[in-house]
PDB file of N, CA and C in Angstrom:
ATOM      1  N   MET A   1     162.001  74.802 112.246  1.00  0.00           N
ATOM      2  CA  MET A   1     161.219  74.595 111.057  1.00  0.00           C
ATOM      3  C   MET A   1     160.689  75.948 110.582  1.00  0.00           C
ATOM      4  N   ARG A   2     160.470  76.021 109.284  1.00  0.00           N
ATOM      5  CA  ARG A   2     159.941  77.247 108.701  1.00  0.00           C
ATOM      6  C   ARG A   2     158.459  77.087 108.383  1.00  0.00           C
ATOM      7  N   TYR A   3     157.744  78.205 108.500  1.00  0.00           N
ATOM      8  CA  TYR A   3     156.313  78.231 108.270  1.00  0.00           C
ATOM      9  C   TYR A   3     155.941  79.481 107.483  1.00  0.00           C
ATOM     10  N   LEU A   4     154.853  79.358 106.728  1.00  0.00           N
ATOM     11  CA  LEU A   4     154.237  80.486 106.048  1.00  0.00           C
ATOM     12  C   LEU A   4     152.952  80.818 106.783  1.00  0.00           C
ATOM     13  N   ILE A   5     152.793  82.081 107.141  1.00  0.00           N
ATOM     14  CA  ILE A   5     151.530  82.575 107.675  1.00  0.00           C
ATOM     15  C   ILE A   5     150.978  83.513 106.610  1.00  0.00           C
ATOM     16  N   ALA A   6     149.906  83.099 105.931  1.00  0.00           N
ATOM     17  CA  ALA A   6     149.293  83.898 104.876  1.00  0.00           C
ATOM     18  C   ALA A   6     148.147  84.710 105.464  1.00  0.00           C
ATOM     19  N   VAL A   7     148.146  86.006 105.195  1.00  0.00           N
ATOM     20  CA  VAL A   7     147.083  86.900 105.656  1.00  0.00           C
ATOM     21  C   VAL A   7     145.956  86.864 104.622  1.00  0.00           C
ATOM     22  N   ILE A   8     144.740  86.626 105.075  1.00  0.00           N
ATOM     23  CA  ILE A   8     143.582  86.498 104.200  1.00  0.00           C
ATOM     24  C   ILE A   8     142.730  87.763 104.317  1.00  0.00           C
ATOM     25  N   ASP A   9     142.373  88.350 103.170  1.00  0.00           N
ATOM     26  CA  ASP A   9     141.601  89.590 103.152  1.00  0.00           C
ATOM     27  C   ASP A   9     140.751  89.621 101.886  1.00  0.00           C
ATOM     28  N   THR A  10     139.915  90.620 101.771  1.00  0.00           N
ATOM     29  CA  THR A  10     139.135  90.852 100.562  1.00  0.00           C
ATOM     30  C   THR A  10     139.660  92.055  99.791  1.00  0.00           C
ATOM     31  N   GLN A  11     140.710  92.677 100.326  1.00  0.00           N
ATOM     32  CA  GLN A  11     141.339  93.845  99.720  1.00  0.00           C
ATOM     33  C   GLN A  11     142.847  93.751  99.949  1.00  0.00           C
ATOM     34  N   THR A  12     143.598  94.609  99.283  1.00  0.00           N
ATOM     35  CA  THR A  12     145.015  94.736  99.595  1.00  0.00           C
ATOM     36  C   THR A  12     145.245  96.094 100.223  1.00  0.00           C
ATOM     37  N   ASN A  13     146.260  96.156 101.054  1.00  0.00           N
ATOM     38  CA  ASN A  13     146.657  97.410 101.704  1.00  0.00           C
ATOM     39  C   ASN A  13     145.484  98.039 102.452  1.00  0.00           C
ATOM     40  N   SER A  14     144.697  97.211 103.135  1.00  0.00           N
ATOM     41  CA  SER A  14     143.467  97.684 103.775  1.00  0.00           C
ATOM     42  C   SER A  14     143.617  97.973 105.260  1.00  0.00           C
ATOM     43  N   GLY A  15     144.806  97.791 105.808  1.00  0.00           N
ATOM     44  CA  GLY A  15     144.999  97.968 107.241  1.00  0.00           C
ATOM     45  C   GLY A  15     144.852  99.402 107.696  1.00  0.00           C
ATOM     46  N   THR A  16     144.267  99.564 108.878  1.00  0.00           N
ATOM     47  CA  THR A  16     144.156 100.882 109.496  1.00  0.00           C
ATOM     48  C   THR A  16     145.496 101.251 110.137  1.00  0.00           C
ATOM     49  N   ALA A  17     145.626 102.480 110.558  1.00  0.00           N
ATOM     50  CA  ALA A  17     146.849 102.923 111.241  1.00  0.00           C
ATOM     51  C   ALA A  17     147.066 102.112 112.517  1.00  0.00           C
ATOM     52  N   GLU A  18     145.987 101.835 113.238  1.00  0.00           N
ATOM     53  CA  GLU A  18     146.089 101.043 114.476  1.00  0.00           C
ATOM     54  C   GLU A  18     146.551  99.618 114.162  1.00  0.00           C
ATOM     55  N   GLU A  19     145.996  99.011 113.114  1.00  0.00           N
ATOM     56  CA  GLU A  19     146.408  97.663 112.726  1.00  0.00           C
ATOM     57  C   GLU A  19     147.864  97.638 112.275  1.00  0.00           C
ATOM     58  N   SER A  20     148.276  98.637 111.533  1.00  0.00           N
ATOM     59  CA  SER A  20     149.676  98.712 111.088  1.00  0.00           C
ATOM     60  C   SER A  20     150.629  98.806 112.272  1.00  0.00           C
ATOM     61  N   ALA A  21     150.260  99.592 113.273  1.00  0.00           N
ATOM     62  CA  ALA A  21     151.092  99.709 114.473  1.00  0.00           C
ATOM     63  C   ALA A  21     151.154  98.374 115.214  1.00  0.00           C
ATOM     64  N   SER A  22     150.029  97.677 115.276  1.00  0.00           N
ATOM     65  CA  SER A  22     149.989  96.376 115.934  1.00  0.00           C
ATOM     66  C   SER A  22     150.851  95.354 115.181  1.00  0.00           C
ATOM     67  N   VAL A  23     150.809  95.392 113.849  1.00  0.00           N
ATOM     68  CA  VAL A  23     151.645  94.499 113.029  1.00  0.00           C
ATOM     69  C   VAL A  23     153.123  94.833 113.244  1.00  0.00           C
ATOM     70  N   ASP A  24     153.457  96.110 113.303  1.00  0.00           N
ATOM     71  CA  ASP A  24     154.846  96.502 113.563  1.00  0.00           C
ATOM     72  C   ASP A  24     155.326  95.934 114.898  1.00  0.00           C
ATOM     73  N   ASP A  25     154.485  96.014 115.933  1.00  0.00           N
ATOM     74  CA  ASP A  25     154.843  95.451 117.242  1.00  0.00           C
ATOM     75  C   ASP A  25     155.032  93.936 117.145  1.00  0.00           C
ATOM     76  N   PHE A  26     154.147  93.263 116.423  1.00  0.00           N
ATOM     77  CA  PHE A  26     154.264  91.819 116.237  1.00  0.00           C
ATOM     78  C   PHE A  26     155.559  91.477 115.509  1.00  0.00           C
ATOM     79  N   ASN A  27     155.873  92.221 114.458  1.00  0.00           N
ATOM     80  CA  ASN A  27     157.122  91.996 113.714  1.00  0.00           C
ATOM     81  C   ASN A  27     158.339  92.164 114.611  1.00  0.00           C
ATOM     82  N   GLN A  28     158.327  93.189 115.450  1.00  0.00           N
ATOM     83  CA  GLN A  28     159.449  93.412 116.371  1.00  0.00           C
ATOM     84  C   GLN A  28     159.594  92.256 117.349  1.00  0.00           C
ATOM     85  N   MET A  29     158.458  91.723 117.834  1.00  0.00           N
ATOM     86  CA  MET A  29     158.501  90.575 118.730  1.00  0.00           C
ATOM     87  C   MET A  29     159.080  89.363 118.006  1.00  0.00           C
ATOM     88  N   LEU A  30     158.658  89.133 116.746  1.00  0.00           N
ATOM     89  CA  LEU A  30     159.210  88.020 115.976  1.00  0.00           C
ATOM     90  C   LEU A  30     160.728  88.149 115.857  1.00  0.00           C
ATOM     91  N   GLU A  31     161.191  89.340 115.530  1.00  0.00           N
ATOM     92  CA  GLU A  31     162.638  89.570 115.383  1.00  0.00           C
ATOM     93  C   GLU A  31     163.365  89.359 116.696  1.00  0.00           C
ATOM     94  N   ALA A  32     162.841  89.921 117.763  1.00  0.00           N
ATOM     95  CA  ALA A  32     163.498  89.835 119.076  1.00  0.00           C
ATOM     96  C   ALA A  32     163.605  88.397 119.573  1.00  0.00           C
ATOM     97  N   ASN A  33     162.662  87.547 119.162  1.00  0.00           N
ATOM     98  CA  ASN A  33     162.641  86.168 119.639  1.00  0.00           C
ATOM     99  C   ASN A  33     163.163  85.151 118.630  1.00  0.00           C
ATOM    100  N   GLY A  34     163.780  85.635 117.550  1.00  0.00           N
ATOM    101  CA  GLY A  34     164.415  84.738 116.589  1.00  0.00           C
ATOM    102  C   GLY A  34     163.471  84.011 115.653  1.00  0.00           C
ATOM    103  N   HIS A  35     162.235  84.495 115.519  1.00  0.00           N
ATOM    104  CA  HIS A  35     161.259  83.856 114.633  1.00  0.00           C
ATOM    105  C   HIS A  35     161.195  84.508 113.255  1.00  0.00           C
ATOM    106  N   TRP A  36     161.665  85.716 113.131  1.00  0.00           N
ATOM    107  CA  TRP A  36     161.532  86.512 111.901  1.00  0.00           C
ATOM    108  C   TRP A  36     162.397  85.965 110.773  1.00  0.00           C
ATOM    109  N   ILE A  37     161.812  85.776 109.612  1.00  0.00           N
ATOM    110  CA  ILE A  37     162.561  85.540 108.376  1.00  0.00           C
ATOM    111  C   ILE A  37     162.268  86.677 107.418  1.00  0.00           C
ATOM    112  N   THR A  38     160.983  86.847 107.050  1.00  0.00           N
ATOM    113  CA  THR A  38     160.584  87.978 106.207  1.00  0.00           C
ATOM    114  C   THR A  38     159.066  88.109 106.251  1.00  0.00           C
ATOM    115  N   ALA A  39     158.568  89.218 105.745  1.00  0.00           N
ATOM    116  CA  ALA A  39     157.127  89.451 105.661  1.00  0.00           C
ATOM    117  C   ALA A  39     156.877  90.504 104.595  1.00  0.00           C
ATOM    118  N   GLY A  40     155.645  90.556 104.124  1.00  0.00           N
ATOM    119  CA  GLY A  40     155.299  91.583 103.154  1.00  0.00           C
ATOM    120  C   GLY A  40     153.852  91.491 102.726  1.00  0.00           C
ATOM    121  N   GLY A  41     153.421  92.523 102.053  1.00  0.00           N
ATOM    122  CA  GLY A  41     152.106  92.542 101.434  1.00  0.00           C
ATOM    123  C   GLY A  41     152.272  92.243  99.953  1.00  0.00           C
ATOM    124  N   VAL A  42     151.212  91.768  99.330  1.00  0.00           N
ATOM    125  CA  VAL A  42     151.257  91.481  97.901  1.00  0.00           C
ATOM    126  C   VAL A  42     150.098  92.173  97.199  1.00  0.00           C
ATOM    127  N   GLU A  43     150.294  92.419  95.924  1.00  0.00           N
ATOM    128  CA  GLU A  43     149.308  93.082  95.094  1.00  0.00           C
ATOM    129  C   GLU A  43     148.028  92.261  94.971  1.00  0.00           C
ATOM    130  N   ALA A  44     146.960  92.907  94.577  1.00  0.00           N
ATOM    131  CA  ALA A  44     145.677  92.229  94.392  1.00  0.00           C
ATOM    132  C   ALA A  44     145.784  91.165  93.299  1.00  0.00           C
ATOM    133  N   PRO A  45     145.018  90.075  93.418  1.00  0.00           N
ATOM    134  CA  PRO A  45     145.063  89.003  92.423  1.00  0.00           C
ATOM    135  C   PRO A  45     144.736  89.470  91.006  1.00  0.00           C
ATOM    136  N   ARG A  46     143.910  90.491  90.877  1.00  0.00           N
ATOM    137  CA  ARG A  46     143.541  90.960  89.533  1.00  0.00           C
ATOM    138  C   ARG A  46     144.757  91.442  88.747  1.00  0.00           C
ATOM    139  N   ASN A  47     145.853  91.734  89.438  1.00  0.00           N
ATOM    140  CA  ASN A  47     147.077  92.197  88.788  1.00  0.00           C
ATOM    141  C   ASN A  47     148.075  91.071  88.548  1.00  0.00           C
ATOM    142  N   SER A  48     147.672  89.837  88.835  1.00  0.00           N
ATOM    143  CA  SER A  48     148.608  88.715  88.731  1.00  0.00           C
ATOM    144  C   SER A  48     148.681  88.159  87.315  1.00  0.00           C
ATOM    145  N   LYS A  49     149.707  87.377  87.084  1.00  0.00           N
ATOM    146  CA  LYS A  49     149.910  86.643  85.831  1.00  0.00           C
ATOM    147  C   LYS A  49     150.032  85.162  86.168  1.00  0.00           C
ATOM    148  N   LEU A  50     149.466  84.321  85.313  1.00  0.00           N
ATOM    149  CA  LEU A  50     149.635  82.879  85.425  1.00  0.00           C
ATOM    150  C   LEU A  50     150.632  82.448  84.361  1.00  0.00           C
ATOM    151  N   ILE A  51     151.671  81.780  84.787  1.00  0.00           N
ATOM    152  CA  ILE A  51     152.737  81.348  83.880  1.00  0.00           C
ATOM    153  C   ILE A  51     152.806  79.833  83.905  1.00  0.00           C
ATOM    154  N   ASP A  52     152.822  79.222  82.726  1.00  0.00           N
ATOM    155  CA  ASP A  52     153.011  77.781  82.608  1.00  0.00           C
ATOM    156  C   ASP A  52     154.074  77.556  81.536  1.00  0.00           C
ATOM    157  N   ASN A  53     155.290  77.302  82.000  1.00  0.00           N
ATOM    158  CA  ASN A  53     156.391  77.082  81.066  1.00  0.00           C
ATOM    159  C   ASN A  53     156.872  75.635  81.114  1.00  0.00           C
ATOM    160  N   ARG A  54     155.985  74.743  81.541  1.00  0.00           N
ATOM    161  CA  ARG A  54     156.341  73.322  81.519  1.00  0.00           C
ATOM    162  C   ARG A  54     156.587  72.915  80.075  1.00  0.00           C
ATOM    163  N   SER A  55     157.643  72.167  79.883  1.00  0.00           N
ATOM    164  CA  SER A  55     158.044  71.688  78.549  1.00  0.00           C
ATOM    165  C   SER A  55     158.211  72.840  77.554  1.00  0.00           C
ATOM    166  N   GLY A  56     158.571  74.023  78.061  1.00  0.00           N
ATOM    167  CA  GLY A  56     158.804  75.170  77.188  1.00  0.00           C
ATOM    168  C   GLY A  56     157.545  75.748  76.565  1.00  0.00           C
ATOM    169  N   ALA A  57     156.382  75.553  77.179  1.00  0.00           N
ATOM    170  CA  ALA A  57     155.108  76.001  76.610  1.00  0.00           C
ATOM    171  C   ALA A  57     155.016  77.522  76.489  1.00  0.00           C
ATOM    172  N   ASN A  58     155.684  78.239  77.379  1.00  0.00           N
ATOM    173  CA  ASN A  58     155.717  79.706  77.349  1.00  0.00           C
ATOM    174  C   ASN A  58     154.318  80.330  77.381  1.00  0.00           C
ATOM    175  N   ASN A  59     153.411  79.745  78.153  1.00  0.00           N
ATOM    176  CA  ASN A  59     152.067  80.299  78.297  1.00  0.00           C
ATOM    177  C   ASN A  59     152.044  81.319  79.419  1.00  0.00           C
ATOM    178  N   VAL A  60     151.608  82.522  79.107  1.00  0.00           N
ATOM    179  CA  VAL A  60     151.454  83.583  80.093  1.00  0.00           C
ATOM    180  C   VAL A  60     150.067  84.170  79.894  1.00  0.00           C
ATOM    181  N   GLY A  61     149.300  84.227  80.971  1.00  0.00           N
ATOM    182  CA  GLY A  61     147.952  84.768  80.878  1.00  0.00           C
ATOM    183  C   GLY A  61     147.599  85.535  82.127  1.00  0.00           C
ATOM    184  N   PRO A  62     146.444  86.154  82.105  1.00  0.00           N
ATOM    185  CA  PRO A  62     146.027  86.912  83.291  1.00  0.00           C
ATOM    186  C   PRO A  62     145.648  85.969  84.424  1.00  0.00           C
ATOM    187  N   GLY A  63     145.833  86.427  85.647  1.00  0.00           N
ATOM    188  CA  GLY A  63     145.416  85.667  86.813  1.00  0.00           C
ATOM    189  C   GLY A  63     144.080  86.195  87.284  1.00  0.00           C
ATOM    190  N   PRO A  64     143.637  85.768  88.393  1.00  0.00           N
ATOM    191  CA  PRO A  64     144.261  84.854  89.347  1.00  0.00           C
ATOM    192  C   PRO A  64     143.939  83.393  89.051  1.00  0.00           C
ATOM    193  N   LEU A  65     144.683  82.513  89.694  1.00  0.00           N
ATOM    194  CA  LEU A  65     144.411  81.084  89.576  1.00  0.00           C
ATOM    195  C   LEU A  65     143.033  80.770  90.138  1.00  0.00           C
ATOM    196  N   ASN A  66     142.762  81.278  91.334  1.00  0.00           N
ATOM    197  CA  ASN A  66     141.464  81.071  91.986  1.00  0.00           C
ATOM    198  C   ASN A  66     140.784  82.422  92.148  1.00  0.00           C
ATOM    199  N   ASP A  67     139.597  82.553  91.641  1.00  0.00           N
ATOM    200  CA  ASP A  67     138.878  83.813  91.686  1.00  0.00           C
ATOM    201  C   ASP A  67     137.786  83.737  92.737  1.00  0.00           C
ATOM    202  N   GLY A  68     138.043  84.328  93.884  1.00  0.00           N
ATOM    203  CA  GLY A  68     137.072  84.321  94.967  1.00  0.00           C
ATOM    204  C   GLY A  68     137.141  85.629  95.719  1.00  0.00           C
ATOM    205  N   PRO A  69     136.249  85.841  96.650  1.00  0.00           N
ATOM    206  CA  PRO A  69     136.232  87.116  97.374  1.00  0.00           C
ATOM    207  C   PRO A  69     137.407  87.288  98.339  1.00  0.00           C
ATOM    208  N   GLU A  70     137.957  86.180  98.849  1.00  0.00           N
ATOM    209  CA  GLU A  70     139.091  86.262  99.774  1.00  0.00           C
ATOM    210  C   GLU A  70     140.348  85.759  99.088  1.00  0.00           C
ATOM    211  N   PHE A  71     141.474  86.340  99.466  1.00  0.00           N
ATOM    212  CA  PHE A  71     142.751  85.954  98.873  1.00  0.00           C
ATOM    213  C   PHE A  71     143.881  86.322  99.821  1.00  0.00           C
ATOM    214  N   MET A  72     145.080  85.841  99.504  1.00  0.00           N
ATOM    215  CA  MET A  72     146.259  86.177 100.296  1.00  0.00           C
ATOM    216  C   MET A  72     146.670  87.608  99.976  1.00  0.00           C
ATOM    217  N   SER A  73     146.653  88.470 100.989  1.00  0.00           N
ATOM    218  CA  SER A  73     147.029  89.863 100.800  1.00  0.00           C
ATOM    219  C   SER A  73     148.410  90.172 101.374  1.00  0.00           C
ATOM    220  N   GLY A  74     148.945  89.249 102.127  1.00  0.00           N
ATOM    221  CA  GLY A  74     150.260  89.433 102.728  1.00  0.00           C
ATOM    222  C   GLY A  74     150.709  88.142 103.382  1.00  0.00           C
ATOM    223  N   PHE A  75     151.905  88.178 103.969  1.00  0.00           N
ATOM    224  CA  PHE A  75     152.448  86.939 104.548  1.00  0.00           C
ATOM    225  C   PHE A  75     153.569  87.249 105.523  1.00  0.00           C
ATOM    226  N   TRP A  76     153.814  86.285 106.364  1.00  0.00           N
ATOM    227  CA  TRP A  76     155.031  86.205 107.171  1.00  0.00           C
ATOM    228  C   TRP A  76     155.669  84.859 106.864  1.00  0.00           C
ATOM    229  N   ILE A  77     156.964  84.810 106.825  1.00  0.00           N
ATOM    230  CA  ILE A  77     157.692  83.551 106.843  1.00  0.00           C
ATOM    231  C   ILE A  77     158.464  83.562 108.150  1.00  0.00           C
ATOM    232  N   ILE A  78     158.209  82.545 108.957  1.00  0.00           N
ATOM    233  CA  ILE A  78     158.772  82.510 110.307  1.00  0.00           C
ATOM    234  C   ILE A  78     159.555  81.231 110.539  1.00  0.00           C
ATOM    235  N   GLU A  79     160.332  81.256 111.575  1.00  0.00           N
ATOM    236  CA  GLU A  79     161.050  80.093 112.095  1.00  0.00           C
ATOM    237  C   GLU A  79     160.430  79.776 113.445  1.00  0.00           C
ATOM    238  N   ALA A  80     160.070  78.502 113.663  1.00  0.00           N
ATOM    239  CA  ALA A  80     159.524  78.082 114.952  1.00  0.00           C
ATOM    240  C   ALA A  80     160.050  76.695 115.278  1.00  0.00           C
ATOM    241  N   GLU A  81     160.166  76.414 116.562  1.00  0.00           N
ATOM    242  CA  GLU A  81     160.720  75.136 117.022  1.00  0.00           C
ATOM    243  C   GLU A  81     159.815  73.968 116.679  1.00  0.00           C
ATOM    244  N   ASP A  82     158.489  74.219 116.662  1.00  0.00           N
ATOM    245  CA  ASP A  82     157.535  73.132 116.459  1.00  0.00           C
ATOM    246  C   ASP A  82     156.197  73.702 116.008  1.00  0.00           C
ATOM    247  N   ASP A  83     155.272  72.794 115.681  1.00  0.00           N
ATOM    248  CA  ASP A  83     153.955  73.203 115.194  1.00  0.00           C
ATOM    249  C   ASP A  83     153.175  74.016 116.229  1.00  0.00           C
ATOM    250  N   ALA A  84     153.291  73.655 117.489  1.00  0.00           N
ATOM    251  CA  ALA A  84     152.549  74.358 118.540  1.00  0.00           C
ATOM    252  C   ALA A  84     152.999  75.819 118.632  1.00  0.00           C
ATOM    253  N   THR A  85     154.313  76.047 118.551  1.00  0.00           N
ATOM    254  CA  THR A  85     154.840  77.421 118.598  1.00  0.00           C
ATOM    255  C   THR A  85     154.385  78.196 117.370  1.00  0.00           C
ATOM    256  N   ALA A  86     154.441  77.553 116.201  1.00  0.00           N
ATOM    257  CA  ALA A  86     154.002  78.214 114.967  1.00  0.00           C
ATOM    258  C   ALA A  86     152.523  78.575 115.042  1.00  0.00           C
ATOM    259  N   LEU A  87     151.712  77.670 115.588  1.00  0.00           N
ATOM    260  CA  LEU A  87     150.283  77.933 115.729  1.00  0.00           C
ATOM    261  C   LEU A  87     150.042  79.118 116.655  1.00  0.00           C
ATOM    262  N   ASP A  88     150.766  79.167 117.751  1.00  0.00           N
ATOM    263  CA  ASP A  88     150.634  80.289 118.678  1.00  0.00           C
ATOM    264  C   ASP A  88     151.023  81.602 117.994  1.00  0.00           C
ATOM    265  N   LEU A  89     152.106  81.590 117.236  1.00  0.00           N
ATOM    266  CA  LEU A  89     152.536  82.797 116.527  1.00  0.00           C
ATOM    267  C   LEU A  89     151.517  83.203 115.454  1.00  0.00           C
ATOM    268  N   ALA A  90     150.928  82.228 114.777  1.00  0.00           N
ATOM    269  CA  ALA A  90     149.902  82.537 113.780  1.00  0.00           C
ATOM    270  C   ALA A  90     148.679  83.177 114.440  1.00  0.00           C
ATOM    271  N   LYS A  91     148.301  82.695 115.600  1.00  0.00           N
ATOM    272  CA  LYS A  91     147.190  83.304 116.338  1.00  0.00           C
ATOM    273  C   LYS A  91     147.514  84.745 116.705  1.00  0.00           C
ATOM    274  N   GLN A  92     148.751  84.974 117.150  1.00  0.00           N
ATOM    275  CA  GLN A  92     149.166  86.334 117.488  1.00  0.00           C
ATOM    276  C   GLN A  92     149.181  87.236 116.247  1.00  0.00           C
ATOM    277  N   GLY A  93     149.625  86.677 115.117  1.00  0.00           N
ATOM    278  CA  GLY A  93     149.636  87.440 113.874  1.00  0.00           C
ATOM    279  C   GLY A  93     148.233  87.801 113.422  1.00  0.00           C
ATOM    280  N   SER A  94     147.294  86.859 113.547  1.00  0.00           N
ATOM    281  CA  SER A  94     145.901  87.119 113.191  1.00  0.00           C
ATOM    282  C   SER A  94     145.328  88.250 114.037  1.00  0.00           C
ATOM    283  N   LYS A  95     145.626  88.206 115.315  1.00  0.00           N
ATOM    284  CA  LYS A  95     145.142  89.261 116.210  1.00  0.00           C
ATOM    285  C   LYS A  95     145.786  90.598 115.862  1.00  0.00           C
ATOM    286  N   ALA A  96     147.088  90.575 115.572  1.00  0.00           N
ATOM    287  CA  ALA A  96     147.810  91.818 115.273  1.00  0.00           C
ATOM    288  C   ALA A  96     147.280  92.505 114.020  1.00  0.00           C
ATOM    289  N   CYS A  97     147.035  91.735 112.972  1.00  0.00           N
ATOM    290  CA  CYS A  97     146.598  92.345 111.702  1.00  0.00           C
ATOM    291  C   CYS A  97     145.080  92.423 111.589  1.00  0.00           C
ATOM    292  N   ASN A  98     144.373  91.771 112.534  1.00  0.00           N
ATOM    293  CA  ASN A  98     142.914  91.784 112.548  1.00  0.00           C
ATOM    294  C   ASN A  98     142.336  91.136 111.285  1.00  0.00           C
ATOM    295  N   ARG A  99     142.965  90.043 110.857  1.00  0.00           N
ATOM    296  CA  ARG A  99     142.533  89.301 109.673  1.00  0.00           C
ATOM    297  C   ARG A  99     142.636  87.802 109.965  1.00  0.00           C
ATOM    298  N   LYS A 100     141.952  87.009 109.158  1.00  0.00           N
ATOM    299  CA  LYS A 100     142.179  85.561 109.203  1.00  0.00           C
ATOM    300  C   LYS A 100     143.564  85.307 108.634  1.00  0.00           C
ATOM    301  N   VAL A 101     144.195  84.233 109.099  1.00  0.00           N
ATOM    302  CA  VAL A 101     145.471  83.814 108.529  1.00  0.00           C
ATOM    303  C   VAL A 101     145.420  82.312 108.281  1.00  0.00           C
ATOM    304  N   GLU A 102     146.278  81.873 107.380  1.00  0.00           N
ATOM    305  CA  GLU A 102     146.437  80.447 107.099  1.00  0.00           C
ATOM    306  C   GLU A 102     147.880  80.077 107.409  1.00  0.00           C
ATOM    307  N   LEU A 103     148.078  79.010 108.166  1.00  0.00           N
ATOM    308  CA  LEU A 103     149.405  78.552 108.566  1.00  0.00           C
ATOM    309  C   LEU A 103     149.766  77.306 107.768  1.00  0.00           C
ATOM    310  N   ARG A 104     150.963  77.325 107.179  1.00  0.00           N
ATOM    311  CA  ARG A 104     151.463  76.144 106.458  1.00  0.00           C
ATOM    312  C   ARG A 104     152.933  75.934 106.789  1.00  0.00           C
ATOM    313  N   ARG A 105     153.297  74.674 107.010  1.00  0.00           N
ATOM    314  CA  ARG A 105     154.688  74.320 107.268  1.00  0.00           C
ATOM    315  C   ARG A 105     155.423  74.140 105.932  1.00  0.00           C
ATOM    316  N   TYR A 106     156.649  74.663 105.877  1.00  0.00           N
ATOM    317  CA  TYR A 106     157.513  74.392 104.722  1.00  0.00           C
ATOM    318  C   TYR A 106     157.816  72.904 104.684  1.00  0.00           C
ATOM    319  N   LEU A 107     157.915  72.350 103.508  1.00  0.00           N
ATOM    320  CA  LEU A 107     158.234  70.939 103.368  1.00  0.00           C
ATOM    321  C   LEU A 107     159.725  70.668 103.519  1.00  0.00           C
ATOM    322  N   ARG A 108     160.560  71.630 103.176  1.00  0.00           N
ATOM    323  CA  ARG A 108     162.004  71.457 103.332  1.00  0.00           C
ATOM    324  C   ARG A 108     162.587  72.691 103.918  1.00  0.00           C
TER     325      ARG A 108
END
């Protein structure tokens, strides 16, 4: 099954050199154990766009959808055998990046 691990922060690109090294080690472990799909950081919400093209509306406006102090600053997409394994990997990811994370299972 596939899962999203969203990294929660109040800034983007805020990791220290030590945290970056720890994340690199975590990424290597994910790859070595067949859990790695992809990962990355994302721009701050203030730079986002909200698009609503339902029924051809062509509405484009400034983001973010939700304006709060915390937001998704990065993510991992992983493969895990079950929820327990995904939860364990999310805990390891949280420790590696020194941030809160949110775990969600892909629906398909």
